[in-house]
Protein backbone atom coordinates (compact mmCIF):
# COMPACT_ATOMS: atom_id res chain seq x y z
CA GLN A 1 0.01 0.00 0.00
CA ALA A 2 2.79 2.40 0.88
CA ALA A 3 4.62 1.75 -2.40
CA LEU A 4 1.43 2.29 -4.44
CA THR A 5 0.70 5.50 -2.54
CA THR A 6 4.26 6.79 -3.03
CA ALA A 7 4.08 6.01 -6.75
CA ARG A 8 0.72 7.84 -6.92
CA LEU A 9 -1.02 4.72 -8.23
CA VAL A 10 -3.72 4.80 -5.56
CA GLY A 11 -5.83 7.62 -4.22
CA PRO A 12 -6.75 8.12 -0.55
CA VAL A 13 -7.21 4.87 1.33
CA THR A 14 -10.12 4.51 3.73
CA SER A 15 -9.71 2.35 6.83
CA GLY A 16 -12.35 -0.33 7.21
CA ALA A 17 -13.82 -1.51 10.49
CA THR A 18 -12.85 -5.13 9.74
CA GLY A 19 -9.16 -4.40 9.06
CA CYS A 20 -9.83 -4.16 5.35
CA ASP A 21 -8.81 -0.81 3.87
CA SER A 22 -10.03 0.37 0.45
CA GLY A 23 -8.90 2.79 -2.19
CA THR A 24 -9.16 3.47 -5.89
CA GLY A 25 -6.39 2.99 -8.41
CA VAL A 26 -5.50 5.57 -11.04
CA SER A 27 -7.72 6.17 -14.04
CA LYS A 28 -5.03 4.93 -16.44
CA TRP A 29 -5.99 1.41 -15.26
CA GLY A 30 -9.73 1.98 -15.20
CA SER A 31 -9.90 3.29 -11.59
CA PRO A 32 -10.02 -0.19 -10.02
CA THR A 33 -11.24 -0.75 -6.50
CA LEU A 34 -8.29 -1.85 -4.35
CA LEU A 35 -8.58 -3.67 -1.03
CA PHE A 36 -5.69 -3.85 1.42
CA THR A 37 -5.18 -6.02 4.50
CA LYS A 38 -2.40 -5.01 6.90
CA GLY A 39 -0.97 -2.70 4.23
CA LYS A 40 -0.79 -5.36 1.51
CA LEU A 41 -2.87 -5.35 -1.67
CA GLN A 42 -5.24 -8.35 -1.54
CA HIS A 43 -7.95 -7.72 -4.09
CA VAL A 44 -8.43 -5.71 -7.28
CA LYS A 45 -11.84 -5.16 -8.90
CA ILE A 46 -12.18 -3.65 -12.37
CA THR A 47 -15.52 -2.50 -13.77
CA SER A 48 -14.11 -0.37 -16.58
CA THR A 49 -14.35 -1.59 -20.18
CA SER A 50 -10.93 -0.09 -20.93
CA VAL A 51 -8.85 -2.75 -19.17
CA ALA A 52 -8.42 -6.30 -20.52
CA THR A 53 -6.68 -9.42 -19.22
CA PRO A 54 -3.72 -10.81 -21.23
CA ALA A 55 -6.26 -13.09 -22.92
CA GLY A 56 -8.29 -10.08 -24.04
CA ILE A 57 -11.22 -10.47 -21.64
CA LYS A 58 -12.77 -7.32 -20.20
CA VAL A 59 -16.06 -6.00 -18.85
CA GLY A 60 -18.62 -6.57 -21.61
CA SER A 61 -16.97 -9.72 -22.95
CA SER A 62 -19.31 -12.68 -23.45
CA GLU A 63 -19.46 -15.54 -20.99
CA ALA A 64 -18.54 -17.91 -23.84
CA SER A 65 -15.36 -15.93 -24.59
CA VAL A 66 -14.34 -16.08 -20.93
CA LYS A 67 -14.76 -19.85 -20.88
CA ASP A 68 -12.83 -20.18 -24.17
CA ALA A 69 -9.98 -17.96 -22.88
CA TYR A 70 -9.85 -19.69 -19.46
CA PRO A 71 -11.03 -23.27 -20.12
CA LYS A 72 -9.58 -24.64 -16.89
CA GLY A 73 -11.81 -22.34 -14.86
CA SER A 74 -14.98 -23.28 -13.00
CA VAL A 75 -18.25 -21.76 -11.80
CA ALA A 76 -17.93 -19.92 -8.49
CA ALA A 77 -20.12 -17.78 -6.25
CA GLY A 78 -23.25 -18.50 -8.25
CA ARG A 79 -22.66 -16.50 -11.43
CA ALA A 80 -18.91 -16.06 -11.77
CA TRP A 81 -16.08 -17.83 -13.61
CA TYR A 82 -13.11 -18.62 -11.39
CA ALA A 83 -9.74 -18.99 -13.19
CA PRO A 84 -6.76 -19.81 -10.91
CA THR A 85 -3.16 -19.47 -12.06
CA GLY A 86 -0.64 -20.59 -9.42
CA ASP A 87 -1.15 -18.67 -6.20
CA PHE A 88 -3.39 -16.07 -7.83
CA ALA A 89 -6.73 -16.15 -9.61
CA LEU A 90 -9.10 -14.12 -11.75
CA LEU A 91 -12.80 -14.05 -11.01
CA PHE A 92 -15.12 -12.88 -13.78
CA ARG A 93 -18.49 -11.67 -12.45
CA LEU A 94 -21.25 -12.53 -14.96
CA ALA A 95 -24.78 -11.29 -15.57
CA GLY A 96 -26.90 -11.67 -18.68
CA GLY A 97 -24.17 -13.66 -20.39
CA LYS A 98 -21.62 -10.82 -20.09
CA VAL A 99 -18.71 -9.93 -17.80
CA THR A 100 -19.70 -7.21 -15.33
CA ALA A 101 -16.47 -7.10 -13.37
CA VAL A 102 -13.01 -8.63 -13.45
CA GLU A 103 -11.41 -9.33 -10.06
CA ALA A 104 -7.98 -10.59 -9.09
CA GLY A 105 -6.26 -11.68 -5.93
CA PRO A 106 -4.80 -14.64 -4.06
CA VAL A 107 -6.44 -18.00 -4.72
CA SER A 108 -7.38 -18.29 -1.05
CA ILE A 109 -9.58 -15.21 -1.39
CA MET A 110 -10.86 -15.52 -4.95
CA GLU A 111 -12.01 -19.17 -4.77
CA THR A 112 -14.78 -18.20 -2.39
CA GLY A 113 -15.99 -15.32 -4.57
CA ALA A 114 -15.58 -13.01 -1.57
CA GLU A 115 -13.80 -9.71 -1.69
CA GLY A 116 -11.17 -10.80 0.80
CA CYS A 117 -12.39 -9.07 3.91
């Protein structure tokens, strides 16, 4: 958190009652929601259509394209596609057959579909 703040990649961070602090990343990256625990970035949530994963998936992409791009994924948290890669994972929130948010964080947080706090 300190390094992101020093580099001016995150705006003001609000302390949460549960030890989970939140902030917003810079607009260059679609102003993602950032969640920190004990000063460490734990969860990123993107709702902007201007940011894509390396496989080209972004908010507005079809559910079919997500499953094609991340075929080893699985359904999580009701209507989401969970795609782990090593210790980290992507979670694609889905509604109406389209991606509504792209989230990233440690597997231990993302596999539950929770935001990590």
